């Protein structure tokens, strides 16, 4: 799934999108909204994209129409564990290339509110963190078009 977040609390599920080196997912609000992870509130380039395993969100959300509530832009069927894709790993998705970045993706108050305490405990358990069940952060290294169903592979 590809999910664009044009405004806070707004989600557009799309069949294809453009990943851009500076803007991230084109049309997403990542670049325009303030970040609490940088001293000046500017967008954090290490958190340009949020990617979650499709099987993990399927288990947590129960129905596909709730996947977008997680707030991630890309949902892929790939082992996102730190062992498989540690920070620095490059991943080709469609015509684009992204790089896994170091900041952990552990969820926020919104994830807790939408999916509940048990889901938050599950993704942040020792095993959940090891497997990166809440997902990973990444940045765009080479822009390009991505489509639902595109092959995703480590480079």
N, C-alpha and C. Protein backbone atom coordinates (compact mmCIF):
# COMPACT_ATOMS: atom_id res chain seq x y z
N UNK A 1 0.85 -1.17 0.00
CA UNK A 1 0.00 0.00 0.00
C UNK A 1 0.90 1.23 0.00
N UNK A 2 0.42 2.27 -0.66
CA UNK A 2 1.08 3.57 -0.64
C UNK A 2 0.07 4.56 -0.08
N UNK A 3 0.51 5.31 0.92
CA UNK A 3 -0.39 6.24 1.60
C UNK A 3 0.26 7.62 1.66
N UNK A 4 -0.40 8.58 1.07
CA UNK A 4 0.06 9.96 1.09
C UNK A 4 -0.72 10.71 2.17
N UNK A 5 -0.01 11.54 2.94
CA UNK A 5 -0.64 12.30 4.01
C UNK A 5 -0.55 13.79 3.65
N UNK A 6 -1.47 14.31 2.84
CA UNK A 6 -1.36 15.71 2.40
C UNK A 6 -1.53 16.73 3.52
N UNK A 7 -2.32 16.38 4.52
CA UNK A 7 -2.56 17.26 5.68
C UNK A 7 -2.66 16.39 6.92
N UNK A 8 -2.50 16.99 8.08
CA UNK A 8 -2.64 16.27 9.34
C UNK A 8 -4.01 15.59 9.38
N UNK A 9 -4.01 14.32 9.78
CA UNK A 9 -5.23 13.51 9.89
C UNK A 9 -5.90 13.20 8.54
N UNK A 10 -5.23 13.46 7.45
CA UNK A 10 -5.77 13.15 6.13
C UNK A 10 -4.90 12.09 5.47
N UNK A 11 -5.52 11.09 4.86
CA UNK A 11 -4.80 10.01 4.18
C UNK A 11 -5.39 9.78 2.80
N UNK A 12 -4.51 9.68 1.82
CA UNK A 12 -4.91 9.31 0.47
C UNK A 12 -4.17 8.04 0.10
N UNK A 13 -4.90 6.95 -0.06
CA UNK A 13 -4.30 5.71 -0.50
C UNK A 13 -4.27 5.77 -2.03
N UNK A 14 -3.06 5.57 -2.59
CA UNK A 14 -2.87 5.71 -4.03
C UNK A 14 -2.24 4.44 -4.60
N UNK A 15 -2.40 4.26 -5.89
CA UNK A 15 -1.82 3.10 -6.58
C UNK A 15 -0.39 3.35 -7.00
N UNK A 16 -0.02 4.62 -7.17
CA UNK A 16 1.36 4.95 -7.50
C UNK A 16 1.69 6.32 -6.95
N UNK A 17 2.98 6.55 -6.74
CA UNK A 17 3.44 7.83 -6.21
C UNK A 17 4.86 8.07 -6.68
N UNK A 18 5.29 9.31 -6.53
CA UNK A 18 6.67 9.64 -6.86
C UNK A 18 7.44 9.84 -5.56
N UNK A 19 8.60 9.20 -5.47
CA UNK A 19 9.52 9.45 -4.37
C UNK A 19 10.57 10.43 -4.88
N UNK A 20 10.84 11.48 -4.09
CA UNK A 20 11.75 12.55 -4.49
C UNK A 20 12.81 12.73 -3.42
N UNK A 21 14.04 12.97 -3.84
CA UNK A 21 15.17 13.07 -2.91
C UNK A 21 14.94 14.14 -1.85
N UNK A 22 14.41 15.30 -2.21
CA UNK A 22 14.21 16.37 -1.25
C UNK A 22 12.85 16.33 -0.57
N UNK A 23 11.82 15.98 -1.31
CA UNK A 23 10.44 16.05 -0.81
C UNK A 23 9.93 14.76 -0.18
N UNK A 24 10.63 13.66 -0.36
CA UNK A 24 10.11 12.38 0.10
C UNK A 24 9.02 11.90 -0.85
N UNK A 25 7.89 11.49 -0.31
CA UNK A 25 6.75 11.09 -1.14
C UNK A 25 6.05 12.37 -1.59
N UNK A 26 6.06 12.62 -2.88
CA UNK A 26 5.50 13.86 -3.42
C UNK A 26 4.02 13.96 -3.06
N UNK A 27 3.63 15.11 -2.49
CA UNK A 27 2.25 15.33 -2.06
C UNK A 27 2.03 15.05 -0.59
N UNK A 28 3.00 14.39 0.06
CA UNK A 28 2.92 14.09 1.48
C UNK A 28 3.33 15.33 2.27
N UNK A 29 2.87 15.43 3.50
CA UNK A 29 3.16 16.63 4.30
C UNK A 29 4.47 16.53 5.09
N UNK A 30 5.28 15.50 4.88
CA UNK A 30 6.52 15.36 5.64
C UNK A 30 7.36 16.64 5.59
N UNK A 31 7.54 17.19 4.41
CA UNK A 31 8.42 18.35 4.25
C UNK A 31 7.83 19.63 4.84
N UNK A 32 6.52 19.76 4.83
CA UNK A 32 5.89 21.02 5.25
C UNK A 32 5.52 21.08 6.74
N UNK A 33 5.44 19.93 7.41
CA UNK A 33 5.04 19.99 8.83
C UNK A 33 6.27 20.06 9.73
N UNK A 34 6.06 20.57 10.90
CA UNK A 34 7.16 20.73 11.86
C UNK A 34 7.51 19.37 12.46
N UNK A 35 8.79 19.22 12.80
CA UNK A 35 9.27 17.98 13.39
C UNK A 35 9.75 18.23 14.82
N UNK A 36 9.39 17.35 15.72
CA UNK A 36 9.87 17.46 17.10
C UNK A 36 11.25 16.83 17.25
N UNK A 37 11.76 16.21 16.19
CA UNK A 37 13.04 15.51 16.28
C UNK A 37 14.23 16.36 15.83
N UNK A 38 13.99 17.61 15.43
CA UNK A 38 15.08 18.51 15.07
C UNK A 38 15.01 19.76 15.94
N UNK A 39 16.15 20.35 16.26
CA UNK A 39 16.16 21.51 17.17
C UNK A 39 15.32 22.69 16.66
N UNK A 40 15.32 22.90 15.35
CA UNK A 40 14.59 24.05 14.80
C UNK A 40 13.21 23.70 14.25
N UNK A 41 12.78 22.45 14.40
CA UNK A 41 11.47 22.04 13.92
C UNK A 41 11.40 21.74 12.43
N UNK A 42 12.55 21.79 11.76
CA UNK A 42 12.57 21.49 10.32
C UNK A 42 12.38 19.99 10.09
N UNK A 43 12.02 19.60 8.87
CA UNK A 43 11.84 18.18 8.60
C UNK A 43 13.14 17.40 8.82
N UNK A 44 13.03 16.25 9.43
CA UNK A 44 14.20 15.42 9.71
C UNK A 44 14.47 14.52 8.51
N UNK A 45 15.58 14.74 7.79
CA UNK A 45 15.86 13.93 6.61
C UNK A 45 16.05 12.45 6.93
N UNK A 46 16.33 12.12 8.19
CA UNK A 46 16.49 10.73 8.58
C UNK A 46 15.14 10.04 8.81
N UNK A 47 14.07 10.84 8.75
CA UNK A 47 12.72 10.31 8.98
C UNK A 47 11.79 10.72 7.83
N UNK A 48 12.36 10.78 6.64
CA UNK A 48 11.62 11.24 5.46
C UNK A 48 10.48 10.29 5.09
N UNK A 49 10.75 9.00 5.19
CA UNK A 49 9.75 7.98 4.88
C UNK A 49 9.58 7.05 6.07
N UNK A 50 8.34 6.63 6.30
CA UNK A 50 8.04 5.60 7.28
C UNK A 50 7.56 4.39 6.49
N UNK A 51 8.19 3.26 6.73
CA UNK A 51 7.87 2.03 6.00
C UNK A 51 7.52 0.95 7.01
N UNK A 52 6.41 0.28 6.79
CA UNK A 52 5.97 -0.77 7.71
C UNK A 52 5.75 -2.06 6.94
N UNK A 53 6.00 -3.17 7.60
CA UNK A 53 5.76 -4.48 7.02
C UNK A 53 4.26 -4.70 6.85
N UNK A 54 3.85 -5.10 5.66
CA UNK A 54 2.43 -5.29 5.35
C UNK A 54 1.79 -6.38 6.22
N UNK A 55 2.54 -7.41 6.55
CA UNK A 55 1.98 -8.49 7.37
C UNK A 55 1.77 -8.03 8.81
N UNK A 56 2.68 -7.18 9.30
CA UNK A 56 2.54 -6.66 10.67
C UNK A 56 1.32 -5.76 10.78
N UNK A 57 1.15 -4.85 9.83
CA UNK A 57 -0.01 -3.95 9.91
C UNK A 57 -1.31 -4.72 9.68
N UNK A 58 -1.27 -5.77 8.86
CA UNK A 58 -2.47 -6.58 8.65
C UNK A 58 -2.91 -7.23 9.96
N UNK A 59 -1.96 -7.70 10.74
CA UNK A 59 -2.27 -8.30 12.03
C UNK A 59 -2.81 -7.26 13.02
N UNK A 60 -2.18 -6.11 13.06
CA UNK A 60 -2.57 -5.07 14.02
C UNK A 60 -3.89 -4.41 13.64
N UNK A 61 -4.04 -4.04 12.38
CA UNK A 61 -5.21 -3.27 11.94
C UNK A 61 -6.44 -4.15 11.71
N UNK A 62 -6.23 -5.43 11.42
CA UNK A 62 -7.29 -6.41 11.19
C UNK A 62 -7.98 -6.26 9.84
N UNK A 63 -8.19 -5.04 9.35
CA UNK A 63 -8.78 -4.84 8.03
C UNK A 63 -7.93 -3.84 7.25
N UNK A 64 -7.84 -4.05 5.96
CA UNK A 64 -6.95 -3.22 5.13
C UNK A 64 -7.35 -1.75 5.13
N UNK A 65 -8.63 -1.47 5.30
CA UNK A 65 -9.07 -0.07 5.30
C UNK A 65 -8.54 0.70 6.52
N UNK A 66 -7.96 -0.01 7.50
CA UNK A 66 -7.39 0.66 8.68
C UNK A 66 -5.86 0.80 8.61
N UNK A 67 -5.23 0.23 7.58
CA UNK A 67 -3.77 0.30 7.48
C UNK A 67 -3.27 1.75 7.49
N UNK A 68 -3.92 2.60 6.73
CA UNK A 68 -3.46 3.99 6.58
C UNK A 68 -3.42 4.74 7.91
N UNK A 69 -4.20 4.28 8.89
CA UNK A 69 -4.22 4.93 10.20
C UNK A 69 -2.86 4.86 10.90
N UNK A 70 -2.01 3.92 10.50
CA UNK A 70 -0.69 3.79 11.12
C UNK A 70 0.17 5.03 10.84
N UNK A 71 -0.11 5.73 9.74
CA UNK A 71 0.64 6.95 9.44
C UNK A 71 1.87 6.73 8.58
N UNK A 72 2.14 5.51 8.20
CA UNK A 72 3.29 5.23 7.35
C UNK A 72 2.91 5.51 5.89
N UNK A 73 3.94 5.80 5.08
CA UNK A 73 3.66 6.06 3.66
C UNK A 73 3.72 4.78 2.83
N UNK A 74 4.60 3.86 3.20
CA UNK A 74 4.76 2.64 2.41
C UNK A 74 4.59 1.41 3.29
N UNK A 75 3.83 0.44 2.78
CA UNK A 75 3.63 -0.84 3.44
C UNK A 75 4.13 -1.90 2.46
N UNK A 76 5.17 -2.63 2.85
CA UNK A 76 5.79 -3.58 1.93
C UNK A 76 5.88 -4.96 2.56
N UNK A 77 5.95 -5.97 1.71
CA UNK A 77 6.07 -7.35 2.18
C UNK A 77 7.55 -7.72 2.17
N UNK A 78 8.25 -7.29 3.23
CA UNK A 78 9.69 -7.53 3.34
C UNK A 78 10.07 -7.59 4.81
N UNK A 79 11.02 -8.43 5.14
CA UNK A 79 11.56 -8.51 6.49
C UNK A 79 12.29 -7.20 6.79
N UNK A 80 11.76 -6.40 7.70
CA UNK A 80 12.34 -5.11 8.03
C UNK A 80 13.21 -5.16 9.29
N UNK A 81 13.52 -6.35 9.75
CA UNK A 81 14.32 -6.47 10.97
C UNK A 81 15.68 -5.81 10.80
N UNK A 82 16.24 -5.39 11.94
CA UNK A 82 17.57 -4.79 11.93
C UNK A 82 18.63 -5.74 11.39
N UNK A 83 18.41 -7.02 11.54
CA UNK A 83 19.35 -8.00 11.01
C UNK A 83 19.29 -8.04 9.48
N UNK A 84 18.11 -7.91 8.92
CA UNK A 84 17.95 -7.99 7.47
C UNK A 84 18.24 -6.67 6.76
N UNK A 85 17.77 -5.56 7.32
CA UNK A 85 17.98 -4.25 6.68
C UNK A 85 18.47 -3.23 7.73
N UNK A 86 19.72 -3.38 8.18
CA UNK A 86 20.24 -2.43 9.17
C UNK A 86 20.38 -1.04 8.55
N UNK A 87 20.48 0.00 9.40
CA UNK A 87 20.70 1.34 8.86
C UNK A 87 21.85 1.34 7.85
N UNK A 88 21.62 2.07 6.77
CA UNK A 88 22.60 2.13 5.67
C UNK A 88 22.25 1.21 4.52
N UNK A 89 21.35 0.24 4.76
CA UNK A 89 20.92 -0.66 3.69
C UNK A 89 20.11 0.11 2.67
N UNK A 90 20.41 -0.12 1.42
CA UNK A 90 19.63 0.49 0.34
C UNK A 90 18.64 -0.52 -0.19
N UNK A 91 17.44 -0.03 -0.44
CA UNK A 91 16.34 -0.87 -0.89
C UNK A 91 15.75 -0.25 -2.15
N UNK A 92 15.64 -1.04 -3.20
CA UNK A 92 14.99 -0.58 -4.43
C UNK A 92 13.50 -0.89 -4.31
N UNK A 93 12.70 0.13 -4.57
CA UNK A 93 11.24 -0.01 -4.60
C UNK A 93 10.80 0.60 -5.91
N UNK A 94 10.32 -0.23 -6.83
CA UNK A 94 9.98 0.29 -8.15
C UNK A 94 11.21 0.94 -8.77
N UNK A 95 11.05 2.18 -9.25
CA UNK A 95 12.15 2.90 -9.88
C UNK A 95 12.99 3.69 -8.88
N UNK A 96 12.60 3.70 -7.62
CA UNK A 96 13.28 4.50 -6.60
C UNK A 96 14.22 3.65 -5.75
N UNK A 97 15.14 4.34 -5.08
CA UNK A 97 16.02 3.69 -4.12
C UNK A 97 15.95 4.49 -2.83
N UNK A 98 15.71 3.77 -1.72
CA UNK A 98 15.69 4.41 -0.40
C UNK A 98 16.79 3.79 0.45
N UNK A 99 17.19 4.52 1.49
CA UNK A 99 18.19 4.03 2.41
C UNK A 99 17.62 4.01 3.82
N UNK A 100 17.75 2.88 4.50
CA UNK A 100 17.28 2.75 5.87
C UNK A 100 18.14 3.66 6.75
N UNK A 101 17.48 4.42 7.62
CA UNK A 101 18.19 5.37 8.49
C UNK A 101 18.15 4.89 9.95
N UNK A 102 19.06 5.41 10.79
CA UNK A 102 19.17 4.90 12.16
C UNK A 102 18.01 5.18 13.12
N UNK A 103 17.30 6.32 13.05
CA UNK A 103 16.29 6.54 14.09
C UNK A 103 15.27 5.41 14.16
N UNK A 104 15.00 4.90 15.36
CA UNK A 104 13.99 3.84 15.48
C UNK A 104 12.59 4.40 15.22
N UNK A 105 11.74 3.55 14.69
CA UNK A 105 10.34 3.92 14.44
C UNK A 105 9.52 3.13 15.45
N UNK A 106 9.11 3.79 16.54
CA UNK A 106 8.49 3.06 17.65
C UNK A 106 7.01 3.37 17.86
N UNK A 107 6.47 4.25 17.08
CA UNK A 107 5.06 4.59 17.27
C UNK A 107 4.91 5.85 18.10
N UNK A 108 3.71 6.37 18.11
CA UNK A 108 3.44 7.63 18.80
C UNK A 108 2.07 7.55 19.48
N UNK A 109 1.66 8.67 20.05
CA UNK A 109 0.35 8.73 20.72
C UNK A 109 -0.78 8.39 19.75
N UNK A 110 -0.63 8.81 18.50
CA UNK A 110 -1.69 8.53 17.51
C UNK A 110 -1.80 7.03 17.25
N UNK A 111 -0.66 6.35 17.11
CA UNK A 111 -0.67 4.90 16.90
C UNK A 111 -1.34 4.22 18.08
N UNK A 112 -0.98 4.65 19.29
CA UNK A 112 -1.58 4.10 20.51
C UNK A 112 -3.10 4.32 20.52
N UNK A 113 -3.53 5.52 20.18
CA UNK A 113 -4.96 5.84 20.19
C UNK A 113 -5.73 5.04 19.14
N UNK A 114 -5.11 4.81 18.01
CA UNK A 114 -5.81 4.15 16.90
C UNK A 114 -5.83 2.63 17.02
N UNK A 115 -4.77 2.06 17.59
CA UNK A 115 -4.65 0.60 17.62
C UNK A 115 -4.63 0.00 19.03
N UNK A 116 -4.48 0.84 20.06
CA UNK A 116 -4.58 0.37 21.42
C UNK A 116 -3.25 0.02 22.08
N UNK A 117 -3.32 -0.11 23.40
CA UNK A 117 -2.14 -0.37 24.21
C UNK A 117 -1.50 -1.72 23.88
N UNK A 118 -2.31 -2.74 23.65
CA UNK A 118 -1.75 -4.06 23.35
C UNK A 118 -0.94 -4.02 22.06
N UNK A 119 -1.42 -3.30 21.06
CA UNK A 119 -0.67 -3.19 19.79
C UNK A 119 0.65 -2.45 20.01
N UNK A 120 0.60 -1.38 20.81
CA UNK A 120 1.83 -0.62 21.07
C UNK A 120 2.83 -1.48 21.85
N UNK A 121 2.35 -2.23 22.83
CA UNK A 121 3.23 -3.12 23.59
C UNK A 121 3.82 -4.21 22.68
N UNK A 122 3.01 -4.72 21.78
CA UNK A 122 3.45 -5.77 20.84
C UNK A 122 4.58 -5.27 19.96
N UNK A 123 4.40 -4.12 19.30
CA UNK A 123 5.44 -3.64 18.38
C UNK A 123 6.69 -3.15 19.12
N UNK A 124 6.54 -2.74 20.38
CA UNK A 124 7.68 -2.24 21.14
C UNK A 124 8.24 -3.26 22.14
N UNK A 125 7.76 -4.49 22.08
CA UNK A 125 8.34 -5.55 22.90
C UNK A 125 9.77 -5.79 22.42
N UNK A 126 10.60 -6.47 23.20
CA UNK A 126 11.96 -6.75 22.72
C UNK A 126 11.99 -7.43 21.35
N UNK A 127 11.12 -8.40 21.15
CA UNK A 127 11.07 -9.08 19.86
C UNK A 127 10.50 -8.15 18.79
N UNK A 128 9.48 -7.37 19.14
CA UNK A 128 8.90 -6.43 18.19
C UNK A 128 9.90 -5.40 17.71
N UNK A 129 10.73 -4.90 18.62
CA UNK A 129 11.78 -3.94 18.24
C UNK A 129 12.85 -4.60 17.37
N UNK A 130 13.23 -5.81 17.73
CA UNK A 130 14.23 -6.55 16.95
C UNK A 130 13.75 -6.76 15.52
N UNK A 131 12.46 -7.08 15.38
CA UNK A 131 11.88 -7.32 14.06
C UNK A 131 11.41 -6.04 13.37
N UNK A 132 11.49 -4.91 14.08
CA UNK A 132 11.01 -3.62 13.56
C UNK A 132 9.56 -3.72 13.13
N UNK A 133 8.72 -4.30 13.99
CA UNK A 133 7.31 -4.49 13.65
C UNK A 133 6.57 -3.17 13.48
N UNK A 134 7.01 -2.12 14.16
CA UNK A 134 6.38 -0.81 13.96
C UNK A 134 6.87 -0.17 12.67
N UNK A 135 7.95 -0.70 12.11
CA UNK A 135 8.45 -0.19 10.85
C UNK A 135 9.84 0.40 10.98
N UNK A 136 10.26 1.03 9.91
CA UNK A 136 11.58 1.65 9.84
C UNK A 136 11.46 3.05 9.25
N UNK A 137 12.50 3.83 9.47
CA UNK A 137 12.63 5.14 8.83
C UNK A 137 13.59 4.99 7.66
N UNK A 138 13.39 5.82 6.65
CA UNK A 138 14.25 5.77 5.47
C UNK A 138 14.26 7.14 4.80
N UNK A 139 15.23 7.30 3.91
CA UNK A 139 15.30 8.52 3.10
C UNK A 139 15.48 8.12 1.64
N UNK A 140 15.02 8.99 0.76
CA UNK A 140 15.10 8.71 -0.68
C UNK A 140 16.51 9.04 -1.16
N UNK A 141 17.15 8.09 -1.81
CA UNK A 141 18.49 8.26 -2.39
C UNK A 141 18.39 8.52 -3.88
N UNK A 142 17.46 7.84 -4.54
CA UNK A 142 17.21 8.03 -5.98
C UNK A 142 15.71 8.08 -6.16
N UNK A 143 15.24 9.19 -6.67
CA UNK A 143 13.81 9.35 -6.88
C UNK A 143 13.29 8.48 -8.00
N UNK A 144 11.98 8.31 -8.01
CA UNK A 144 11.34 7.54 -9.07
C UNK A 144 9.91 7.20 -8.69
N UNK A 145 9.23 6.63 -9.64
CA UNK A 145 7.84 6.22 -9.44
C UNK A 145 7.79 4.86 -8.76
N UNK A 146 6.91 4.76 -7.75
CA UNK A 146 6.65 3.48 -7.08
C UNK A 146 5.17 3.16 -7.27
N UNK A 147 4.90 1.88 -7.43
CA UNK A 147 3.52 1.43 -7.65
C UNK A 147 3.21 0.30 -6.67
N UNK A 148 1.95 0.20 -6.29
CA UNK A 148 1.52 -0.95 -5.49
C UNK A 148 1.85 -2.21 -6.25
N UNK A 149 2.50 -3.15 -5.58
CA UNK A 149 2.88 -4.41 -6.21
C UNK A 149 4.28 -4.42 -6.79
N UNK A 150 4.97 -3.27 -6.79
CA UNK A 150 6.35 -3.23 -7.29
C UNK A 150 7.23 -4.15 -6.46
N UNK A 151 8.21 -4.73 -7.11
CA UNK A 151 9.20 -5.54 -6.44
C UNK A 151 10.02 -4.67 -5.51
N UNK A 152 10.25 -5.16 -4.30
CA UNK A 152 11.09 -4.48 -3.32
C UNK A 152 12.26 -5.39 -3.03
N UNK A 153 13.49 -4.85 -3.18
CA UNK A 153 14.65 -5.71 -2.97
C UNK A 153 15.82 -4.93 -2.38
N UNK A 154 16.62 -5.63 -1.58
CA UNK A 154 17.84 -5.05 -1.04
C UNK A 154 18.84 -4.92 -2.18
N UNK A 155 19.67 -3.89 -2.06
CA UNK A 155 20.69 -3.67 -3.10
C UNK A 155 22.05 -4.06 -2.57
